[in-house]
Amino acid sequence: METKVFDSYQAFFNYLNEDNGLKSEGSVLSFIGAVSKINKGCGCAKKARIKKAQIEYLTLSTNLTPDFIEKLKLELQVQKVQFLQDEGLFLEV
């Protein structure tokens, strides 16, 4: 059984930014917005922006819709997708 592993929020963000039509899905818009803002603004608040992006990544476990999950699996041509943060699995669909 084929499995795709996203080992960090940055890996998933990079994948969404490829031309695959998934980044406009409502269930990931907040996550994309948070990661896009990391390098904007003053450096003094960058750690807070990174933390916000990580939190948005972790909340994907409750935000991803069944429709989005099926589109993601179809696009990746896999049966399972795993999301990791700090080397720990937090979501498998």
C-alpha atoms as a PDB file:
ATOM      1  CA  MET A   1       0.000   0.000   0.000  1.00  0.00           C
ATOM      2  CA  GLU A   2       1.442   3.348  -1.074  1.00  0.00           C
ATOM      3  CA  THR A   3       1.789   6.052   1.578  1.00  0.00           C
ATOM      4  CA  LYS A   4       2.808   9.695   1.235  1.00  0.00           C
ATOM      5  CA  VAL A   5       4.452  11.246   4.292  1.00  0.00           C
ATOM      6  CA  PHE A   6       4.592  14.985   4.925  1.00  0.00           C
ATOM      7  CA  ASP A   7       7.294  15.311   7.578  1.00  0.00           C
ATOM      8  CA  SER A   8       6.713  18.982   8.404  1.00  0.00           C
ATOM      9  CA  TYR A   9       4.364  21.890   7.879  1.00  0.00           C
ATOM     10  CA  GLN A  10       6.820  23.260   5.315  1.00  0.00           C
ATOM     11  CA  ALA A  11       6.725  20.046   3.253  1.00  0.00           C
ATOM     12  CA  PHE A  12       2.921  20.129   3.092  1.00  0.00           C
ATOM     13  CA  PHE A  13       2.924  23.854   2.284  1.00  0.00           C
ATOM     14  CA  ASN A  14       5.442  23.294  -0.528  1.00  0.00           C
ATOM     15  CA  TYR A  15       3.280  20.520  -1.940  1.00  0.00           C
ATOM     16  CA  LEU A  16       0.158  22.702  -1.854  1.00  0.00           C
ATOM     17  CA  ASN A  17       2.006  25.428  -3.736  1.00  0.00           C
ATOM     18  CA  GLU A  18       2.683  23.096  -6.640  1.00  0.00           C
ATOM     19  CA  ASP A  19       0.209  23.391  -9.473  1.00  0.00           C
ATOM     20  CA  ASN A  20      -2.225  20.737  -8.209  1.00  0.00           C
ATOM     21  CA  GLY A  21      -5.388  22.758  -7.606  1.00  0.00           C
ATOM     22  CA  LEU A  22      -5.571  21.920  -3.895  1.00  0.00           C
ATOM     23  CA  LYS A  23      -4.420  25.173  -2.334  1.00  0.00           C
ATOM     24  CA  SER A  24      -7.745  26.879  -3.001  1.00  0.00           C
ATOM     25  CA  GLU A  25      -9.619  24.307  -0.910  1.00  0.00           C
ATOM     26  CA  GLY A  26     -11.291  25.916   2.100  1.00  0.00           C
ATOM     27  CA  SER A  27      -9.947  23.387   4.587  1.00  0.00           C
ATOM     28  CA  VAL A  28      -6.339  24.503   4.013  1.00  0.00           C
ATOM     29  CA  LEU A  29      -6.701  28.244   3.402  1.00  0.00           C
ATOM     30  CA  SER A  30      -5.991  29.232   7.001  1.00  0.00           C
ATOM     31  CA  PHE A  31      -2.887  27.036   7.049  1.00  0.00           C
ATOM     32  CA  ILE A  32      -1.604  28.491   3.763  1.00  0.00           C
ATOM     33  CA  GLY A  33      -2.211  32.018   5.022  1.00  0.00           C
ATOM     34  CA  ALA A  34      -0.306  31.388   8.242  1.00  0.00           C
ATOM     35  CA  VAL A  35       2.733  29.899   6.488  1.00  0.00           C
ATOM     36  CA  SER A  36       2.724  32.641   3.843  1.00  0.00           C
ATOM     37  CA  LYS A  37       3.032  35.275   6.576  1.00  0.00           C
ATOM     38  CA  ILE A  38       6.109  33.779   8.288  1.00  0.00           C
ATOM     39  CA  ASN A  39       8.642  35.915   6.406  1.00  0.00           C
ATOM     40  CA  LYS A  40       6.547  39.076   6.429  1.00  0.00           C
ATOM     41  CA  GLY A  41       6.793  41.759   9.074  1.00  0.00           C
ATOM     42  CA  CYS A  42       9.500  42.412  11.600  1.00  0.00           C
ATOM     43  CA  GLY A  43      11.931  39.707  12.668  1.00  0.00           C
ATOM     44  CA  CYS A  44      11.023  40.117  16.319  1.00  0.00           C
ATOM     45  CA  ALA A  45       7.695  38.343  15.800  1.00  0.00           C
ATOM     46  CA  LYS A  46       8.896  35.668  13.374  1.00  0.00           C
ATOM     47  CA  LYS A  47       8.958  32.937  16.042  1.00  0.00           C
ATOM     48  CA  ALA A  48       5.327  33.701  16.857  1.00  0.00           C
ATOM     49  CA  ARG A  49       4.381  33.498  13.173  1.00  0.00           C
ATOM     50  CA  ILE A  50       6.163  30.137  12.867  1.00  0.00           C
ATOM     51  CA  LYS A  51       4.312  28.876  15.938  1.00  0.00           C
ATOM     52  CA  LYS A  52       1.001  30.015  14.418  1.00  0.00           C
ATOM     53  CA  ALA A  53       1.806  28.123  11.206  1.00  0.00           C
ATOM     54  CA  GLN A  54       2.641  24.995  13.198  1.00  0.00           C
ATOM     55  CA  ILE A  55      -0.631  25.257  15.119  1.00  0.00           C
ATOM     56  CA  GLU A  56      -2.563  25.634  11.858  1.00  0.00           C
ATOM     57  CA  TYR A  57      -0.762  22.536  10.529  1.00  0.00           C
ATOM     58  CA  LEU A  58      -1.727  20.533  13.599  1.00  0.00           C
ATOM     59  CA  THR A  59      -5.356  21.647  13.362  1.00  0.00           C
ATOM     60  CA  LEU A  60      -5.548  20.089   9.916  1.00  0.00           C
ATOM     61  CA  SER A  61      -6.462  16.915  11.795  1.00  0.00           C
ATOM     62  CA  THR A  62      -9.870  18.461  12.482  1.00  0.00           C
ATOM     63  CA  ASN A  63     -10.140  20.784   9.462  1.00  0.00           C
ATOM     64  CA  LEU A  64      -9.547  18.521   6.477  1.00  0.00           C
ATOM     65  CA  THR A  65     -12.790  17.547   4.815  1.00  0.00           C
ATOM     66  CA  PRO A  66     -13.404  14.047   3.438  1.00  0.00           C
ATOM     67  CA  ASP A  67     -13.646  15.626  -0.029  1.00  0.00           C
ATOM     68  CA  PHE A  68     -10.217  17.265   0.323  1.00  0.00           C
ATOM     69  CA  ILE A  69      -8.681  14.037   1.635  1.00  0.00           C
ATOM     70  CA  GLU A  70      -9.983  12.091  -1.363  1.00  0.00           C
ATOM     71  CA  LYS A  71      -8.692  14.738  -3.796  1.00  0.00           C
ATOM     72  CA  LEU A  72      -5.299  14.682  -2.064  1.00  0.00           C
ATOM     73  CA  LYS A  73      -5.031  10.886  -2.258  1.00  0.00           C
ATOM     74  CA  LEU A  74      -6.098  10.926  -5.889  1.00  0.00           C
ATOM     75  CA  GLU A  75      -3.572  13.640  -6.763  1.00  0.00           C
ATOM     76  CA  LEU A  76      -0.782  11.784  -4.929  1.00  0.00           C
ATOM     77  CA  GLN A  77      -1.955   8.395  -6.222  1.00  0.00           C
ATOM     78  CA  VAL A  78      -1.693   6.836  -2.755  1.00  0.00           C
ATOM     79  CA  GLN A  79      -3.995   5.058  -0.351  1.00  0.00           C
ATOM     80  CA  LYS A  80      -2.672   6.729   2.809  1.00  0.00           C
ATOM     81  CA  VAL A  81      -1.312  10.130   3.732  1.00  0.00           C
ATOM     82  CA  GLN A  82       0.609  10.724   6.951  1.00  0.00           C
ATOM     83  CA  PHE A  83       1.280  14.094   8.552  1.00  0.00           C
ATOM     84  CA  LEU A  84       4.186  14.413  10.975  1.00  0.00           C
ATOM     85  CA  GLN A  85       5.348  17.217  13.257  1.00  0.00           C
ATOM     86  CA  ASP A  86       8.619  17.047  15.189  1.00  0.00           C
ATOM     87  CA  GLU A  87       9.061  13.476  13.896  1.00  0.00           C
ATOM     88  CA  GLY A  88       5.761  12.394  15.485  1.00  0.00           C
ATOM     89  CA  LEU A  89       2.705  11.227  13.569  1.00  0.00           C
ATOM     90  CA  PHE A  90      -0.352  13.362  14.338  1.00  0.00           C
ATOM     91  CA  LEU A  91      -2.649  12.468  11.456  1.00  0.00           C
ATOM     92  CA  GLU A  92      -3.088   9.541   9.109  1.00  0.00           C
ATOM     93  CA  VAL A  93      -5.834   9.516   6.502  1.00  0.00           C
END
